[in-house]
Amino acid sequence: MFVLKIFMEPFYFKSFEKVIGIACDVPGLYYSIMCLSKYDKAAVEYHLKQGHIADWLNYLGEHELSQLIRKTNSVEDVIKILETYLQKYGTKKIKEKRLRRQHVMP
């Protein structure tokens, strides 16, 4: 038996074609948004308004979180949503959810 790991694409925060932040999972998204909200809030707002972050979360299988974030364009609201989500599920549960998505093939 072997394990075929499916690696999900990270989210790249860009500003004028320059990568200014990367998130590989929900905790990483939270930390990237926290950091960028201090240095380039406009870039985070752009990705929120365009639906890029919600689309990426949906791609990761985080459908509930995607819908919550799709409803707002406020960086502060998104930070609160992510904090609540991380408190509810914790980073360990999120990682377990991700591991369950890996395919095991005989």
Protein backbone atom coordinates (compact mmCIF):
# COMPACT_ATOMS: atom_id res chain seq x y z
CA MET A 1 0.00 0.00 0.00
CA PHE A 2 1.19 3.53 -0.71
CA VAL A 3 -0.13 6.95 0.16
CA LEU A 4 -0.74 9.42 -2.62
CA LYS A 5 -0.53 12.84 -1.06
CA ILE A 6 -2.47 15.61 -2.70
CA PHE A 7 -0.78 18.91 -2.01
CA MET A 8 -3.04 21.90 -2.22
CA GLU A 9 -1.78 25.08 -3.82
CA PRO A 10 -0.93 27.84 -1.36
CA PHE A 11 -2.59 31.24 -1.49
CA TYR A 12 -0.32 33.96 -2.77
CA PHE A 13 -1.01 37.52 -1.67
CA LYS A 14 0.17 39.75 -4.47
CA SER A 15 0.55 43.47 -4.83
CA PHE A 16 1.35 44.69 -8.33
CA GLU A 17 2.50 41.20 -9.40
CA LYS A 18 4.90 40.95 -6.44
CA VAL A 19 4.26 38.18 -3.90
CA ILE A 20 3.94 39.81 -0.48
CA GLY A 21 2.53 36.88 1.50
CA ILE A 22 1.84 33.16 1.30
CA ALA A 23 -0.64 30.97 3.19
CA CYS A 24 -0.66 27.18 3.02
CA ASP A 25 -3.54 26.55 5.44
CA VAL A 26 -6.09 28.36 7.61
CA PRO A 27 -3.66 29.22 10.44
CA GLY A 28 -1.20 30.50 7.84
CA LEU A 29 -3.94 32.61 6.28
CA TYR A 30 -4.72 34.13 9.65
CA TYR A 31 -1.08 35.02 10.33
CA SER A 32 -0.57 36.40 6.81
CA ILE A 33 -3.64 38.62 7.07
CA MET A 34 -2.60 39.80 10.53
CA CYS A 35 0.81 40.78 9.21
CA LEU A 36 -0.38 42.29 5.93
CA SER A 37 -3.14 44.26 7.63
CA LYS A 38 -0.36 46.35 9.17
CA TYR A 39 1.80 46.69 6.05
CA ASP A 40 -0.44 46.43 2.98
CA LYS A 41 -4.08 46.38 4.04
CA ALA A 42 -5.16 47.39 0.53
CA ALA A 43 -3.78 44.12 -0.89
CA VAL A 44 -5.83 42.06 1.58
CA GLU A 45 -8.93 44.14 0.83
CA TYR A 46 -8.41 43.61 -2.90
CA HIS A 47 -8.23 39.82 -2.51
CA LEU A 48 -11.31 39.87 -0.28
CA LYS A 49 -13.37 42.00 -2.67
CA GLN A 50 -12.38 39.85 -5.64
CA GLY A 51 -13.35 36.68 -3.75
CA HIS A 52 -9.88 35.17 -4.13
CA ILE A 53 -9.55 34.19 -0.46
CA ALA A 54 -13.04 32.68 -0.28
CA ASP A 55 -12.41 30.74 -3.51
CA TRP A 56 -9.11 29.39 -2.16
CA LEU A 57 -10.75 28.29 1.11
CA ASN A 58 -13.46 26.54 -0.90
CA TYR A 59 -10.71 24.80 -2.91
CA LEU A 60 -9.17 23.61 0.38
CA GLY A 61 -12.52 22.14 1.41
CA GLU A 62 -13.17 24.81 4.04
CA HIS A 63 -16.66 25.51 2.67
CA GLU A 64 -18.17 26.90 5.88
CA LEU A 65 -15.29 29.33 6.37
CA SER A 66 -15.37 30.28 2.71
CA GLN A 67 -19.02 31.30 2.96
CA LEU A 68 -18.40 33.35 6.09
CA ILE A 69 -15.52 35.25 4.51
CA ARG A 70 -17.35 35.77 1.22
CA LYS A 71 -19.92 37.88 3.10
CA THR A 72 -17.45 40.62 4.11
CA ASN A 73 -14.83 42.92 2.61
CA SER A 74 -13.56 44.13 5.98
CA VAL A 75 -10.09 42.96 6.97
CA GLU A 76 -10.98 43.39 10.64
CA ASP A 77 -14.09 41.21 10.23
CA VAL A 78 -12.09 38.51 8.45
CA ILE A 79 -9.53 38.49 11.27
CA LYS A 80 -12.36 38.02 13.79
CA ILE A 81 -13.92 35.24 11.68
CA LEU A 82 -10.57 33.43 11.42
CA GLU A 83 -9.89 33.84 15.16
CA THR A 84 -13.32 32.38 15.99
CA TYR A 85 -12.80 29.52 13.54
CA LEU A 86 -9.36 28.69 14.92
CA GLN A 87 -10.66 28.80 18.49
CA LYS A 88 -13.56 26.53 17.55
CA TYR A 89 -11.55 23.96 15.58
CA GLY A 90 -7.96 24.60 16.66
CA THR A 91 -4.99 24.07 14.42
CA LYS A 92 -4.81 20.36 15.26
CA LYS A 93 -8.37 19.68 14.05
CA ILE A 94 -7.75 21.63 10.85
CA LYS A 95 -4.61 19.62 10.16
CA GLU A 96 -6.54 16.38 10.84
CA LYS A 97 -9.21 17.46 8.36
CA ARG A 98 -6.50 18.05 5.80
CA LEU A 99 -4.90 14.65 6.42
CA ARG A 100 -8.27 12.96 5.89
CA ARG A 101 -8.36 14.47 2.42
CA GLN A 102 -5.19 12.60 1.43
CA HIS A 103 -5.97 9.58 -0.67
CA VAL A 104 -4.84 6.15 0.45
CA MET A 105 -4.53 3.70 -2.43
CA PRO A 106 -3.97 -0.05 -2.16
